[in-house]
């Protein structure tokens, strides 16, 4: 996943780099989203060279309605949560709160990404 924040010193963002929240700031940003329709999608591609660990093939994707729920306690599962319009994503990895994750990003924070 992302190796950390793309944020430059002093809170400014490097030119052409997306903003990104990670760790506790990502959790906070996720909890602030007004969303009642979202997807939970596991990273299930077993692609050599990618840091995605396929914990088990039994994990399925889900389409959910209702308030967002906290899913950060799923250790060893790598997945993202996003509304159908992909305007934002919360990305959980097996490294959450240990090596930088989880990660939260909005499409409009990515140069040319929307909004």
Protein backbone atom coordinates (compact mmCIF):
# COMPACT_ATOMS: atom_id res chain seq x y z
CA UNK A 1 0.00 0.00 0.00
CA UNK A 2 1.07 3.55 0.45
CA UNK A 3 4.33 3.90 2.31
CA UNK A 4 3.03 6.80 4.35
CA UNK A 5 1.77 10.30 3.97
CA UNK A 6 2.46 12.19 0.78
CA UNK A 7 2.40 15.38 2.79
CA UNK A 8 5.43 17.66 2.57
CA UNK A 9 6.90 19.58 5.52
CA UNK A 10 4.69 22.19 7.11
CA UNK A 11 1.47 20.53 5.98
CA UNK A 12 1.93 21.53 2.33
CA UNK A 13 1.48 18.88 -0.31
CA UNK A 14 4.14 18.09 -2.86
CA UNK A 15 3.13 19.20 -6.36
CA UNK A 16 1.28 16.44 -8.18
CA UNK A 17 1.01 14.21 -5.11
CA UNK A 18 -2.37 13.21 -3.66
CA UNK A 19 -3.27 14.09 -0.10
CA UNK A 20 -3.81 11.10 2.12
CA UNK A 21 -4.83 10.44 5.73
CA UNK A 22 -3.40 7.48 7.57
CA UNK A 23 -3.63 5.88 10.99
CA UNK A 24 -5.90 7.63 13.51
CA UNK A 25 -6.48 10.55 11.11
CA UNK A 26 -7.82 8.09 8.51
CA UNK A 27 -10.15 6.55 11.11
CA UNK A 28 -11.45 10.02 12.01
CA UNK A 29 -11.98 11.03 8.36
CA UNK A 30 -13.86 7.78 7.70
CA UNK A 31 -16.15 8.28 10.71
CA UNK A 32 -17.01 11.79 9.43
CA UNK A 33 -18.40 10.56 6.10
CA UNK A 34 -22.14 10.89 5.57
CA UNK A 35 -22.76 7.65 3.72
CA UNK A 36 -25.56 5.08 3.79
CA UNK A 37 -24.68 3.02 0.69
CA UNK A 38 -21.20 1.55 0.35
CA UNK A 39 -19.15 -1.40 -0.76
CA UNK A 40 -16.71 -3.53 1.22
CA UNK A 41 -14.29 -5.06 -1.28
CA UNK A 42 -11.42 -7.41 -0.39
CA UNK A 43 -8.10 -7.24 -2.19
CA UNK A 44 -8.16 -10.76 -3.56
CA UNK A 45 -5.77 -10.64 -6.50
CA UNK A 46 -2.77 -12.85 -5.81
CA UNK A 47 -0.40 -10.86 -8.02
CA UNK A 48 3.31 -11.63 -7.58
CA UNK A 49 5.26 -8.60 -6.38
CA UNK A 50 2.30 -6.77 -4.82
CA UNK A 51 2.11 -6.42 -1.03
CA UNK A 52 -1.40 -7.88 -0.94
CA UNK A 53 -1.75 -10.96 1.20
CA UNK A 54 -4.68 -13.15 0.19
CA UNK A 55 -5.74 -14.33 3.64
CA UNK A 56 -8.41 -16.63 2.35
CA UNK A 57 -10.48 -16.87 -0.78
CA UNK A 58 -13.65 -17.19 1.33
CA UNK A 59 -13.79 -13.42 1.86
CA UNK A 60 -16.47 -11.94 -0.37
CA UNK A 61 -17.33 -8.39 -1.36
CA UNK A 62 -20.47 -6.81 0.07
CA UNK A 63 -22.84 -4.03 -0.90
CA UNK A 64 -24.14 -2.40 2.28
CA UNK A 65 -26.86 0.05 3.20
CA UNK A 66 -27.13 1.83 6.51
CA UNK A 67 -24.59 3.72 8.57
CA UNK A 68 -20.89 3.09 8.07
CA UNK A 69 -19.45 0.54 10.45
CA UNK A 70 -15.92 0.34 11.87
CA UNK A 71 -14.05 -2.57 10.32
CA UNK A 72 -10.54 -1.90 11.56
CA UNK A 73 -10.46 -4.96 13.82
CA UNK A 74 -10.22 -7.40 10.90
CA UNK A 75 -6.56 -8.40 11.22
CA UNK A 76 -4.88 -10.04 8.24
CA UNK A 77 -7.72 -9.02 5.93
CA UNK A 78 -6.97 -6.42 3.28
CA UNK A 79 -9.96 -4.58 1.87
CA UNK A 80 -11.34 -1.19 1.02
CA UNK A 81 -14.64 0.54 1.77
CA UNK A 82 -16.06 3.00 -0.74
CA UNK A 83 -19.38 4.42 -1.88
CA UNK A 84 -20.47 3.33 -5.38
CA UNK A 85 -19.33 6.65 -6.89
CA UNK A 86 -15.77 6.03 -5.56
CA UNK A 87 -15.62 9.59 -4.23
CA UNK A 88 -13.54 8.32 -1.28
CA UNK A 89 -11.94 5.09 -0.07
CA UNK A 90 -10.92 3.71 3.30
CA UNK A 91 -8.19 1.13 2.82
CA UNK A 92 -7.43 -1.46 5.50
CA UNK A 93 -4.35 -3.67 5.38
CA UNK A 94 -2.79 -6.23 7.67
CA UNK A 95 -0.42 -3.42 8.74
CA UNK A 96 -3.11 -1.11 10.17
CA UNK A 97 -1.84 1.06 13.02
CA UNK A 98 1.53 -0.70 12.95
CA UNK A 99 3.19 0.55 9.78
CA UNK A 100 1.04 3.50 8.77
CA UNK A 101 -2.41 2.20 7.85
CA UNK A 102 -5.32 2.36 7.54
CA UNK A 103 -5.49 4.89 4.74
CA UNK A 104 -8.24 7.30 3.69
CA UNK A 105 -8.28 9.26 0.45
CA UNK A 106 -10.87 11.30 -1.44
CA UNK A 107 -10.99 11.37 -5.25
CA UNK A 108 -10.89 15.17 -5.24
CA UNK A 109 -7.57 15.06 -3.32
CA UNK A 110 -5.90 13.38 -6.30
CA UNK A 111 -4.75 15.79 -9.04
CA UNK A 112 -7.18 15.23 -11.91
CA UNK A 113 -9.14 12.75 -9.77
CA UNK A 114 -12.50 14.44 -9.62
CA UNK A 115 -14.56 17.08 -7.91
